[in-house]
Amino acid sequence: MPPMRRPPLALGLACLCLLAAGSLVVAGCGGSDSTSQVNPDAETGKSHPAPPPSNFPSATGKTLRQLINQDGTHPADVKINPEAQAFYPGTNRYPFTIVEKLGSSDKTGAEVTDAEAAIYFAKVPTIKPGAKSKAGNKGMVPRAQSQALDQPAIGPFPARIESLATDPPFQSRTTTEDPDVASVVYSTELHLGEGEYRPAILVKEKGGVGAKLLPSIKVGEYAKIPRPEDKAPLIETPTATSVGGDLAKLTTRIPPDTQNKVNYADVLGKEPILLLFATPQFCQSRVCGPVVDVAQQAQHEFEGEANFIHMEIYNENDPSQGVRRQVRQFHLPSEPWLLAINREGVVSAAGEGACGTKLMDKSGEKVVGE
């Protein structure tokens, strides 16, 4: 099995998000010069509620194409790093990070922690068999990049800012010594039905509003991932005892976290579990290290009430060795993933992408309270 992937750069990673991720050049962020306008009410690296929808252009009466090309809107000077791939009918959290884009290259700069951004989307129309595409080729299904552009735009869905900070005792060197690690994640909620959707992001910048199309969202594409109310799969997870005390086999976090005190199989259906899939050292995003720190802090807060289990992604903690069996058993296409499992062995909550202490604690409270 190939290494875990985030949404492909050309499609999901640049645009999708788990739920969504992005990049953006903002004055006052990372000490670099830029053209983006920060949220004046936000504090760098701190949580902040979403700005009101009135801060963004209305989608009423506009197609997605008209929305992103209207007067005052220009191609965004941003890099979007989505943090999710799996979407389902109903309400979906769409998380993303934002970093500076260095010129016309694919290289990225400092994290942007205080931008105003909102997601819009349009439904990809269903093409009947035998129908002609705009290219005039009978039976050809047009690419999603163009299918939805002339459909009604829905939005805006402004993004909140969630801090990934923890108290000093729970900050790892993996996080504090990495200059590229994320300190916040942006997120919003999208209400989706069956089918495929084309999202776009608008970011407030100096001189107007930056716009960027995002890759398609295919609702229900990852149907095998355990969802709330599903029975959780039975897996075995390593512990300090099972690896002979060699904690480097358990975790790539430095120093090692302590979220492997019990074997998942021994407590499934008996005690609450918060199961986190993430690899701080080899994660293809900036968020895995901070999320493991967040879980380490939550473990301390819920001591004696729930079992926190951190599951690494790769065999022998080596990406060249392929993905671990436990990851495959949960059918996960990406990381990080957090699953809260109650005393009955039923999934109470499942979330893809980065989350801060507030969302982590909410998952803990939910599973402990059931």
Foldseek 3Di string as FASTA:
>chain_A
DAFFDAPDQVACQQAQALQKAKAADDPPFPPDDHWFHFDVVDDFLAWFFFDDQVVADDLPPHAQLCRQPPPQEDAGQWGMGHFRAAAAAFKAKTKYWYFGDDPPDNDTDGTDQTWKKWKKKFAQDDDDQQDADPVRDGRDDDFSVPRRRRGRIDDTFIKTKAFLDDPVVLAFCLQPVDRHADGIMIITMDRDHAHKMKMKMWIGTHRGIHIDTHHMHHHCPQVLAAFFQAQADQDWADACVNVVNPQVQFAPTVVRAHQRHDTCNVQQLAAKEKEKEAHSPDAPHNARSSQVSLLSRVCVVCPPQYRYHYGYFAHSSDSVRPGDPVCVNSSDSHDTKIWIAANRNGTRHIHTGHHHNVVVVVSVCRRSVD
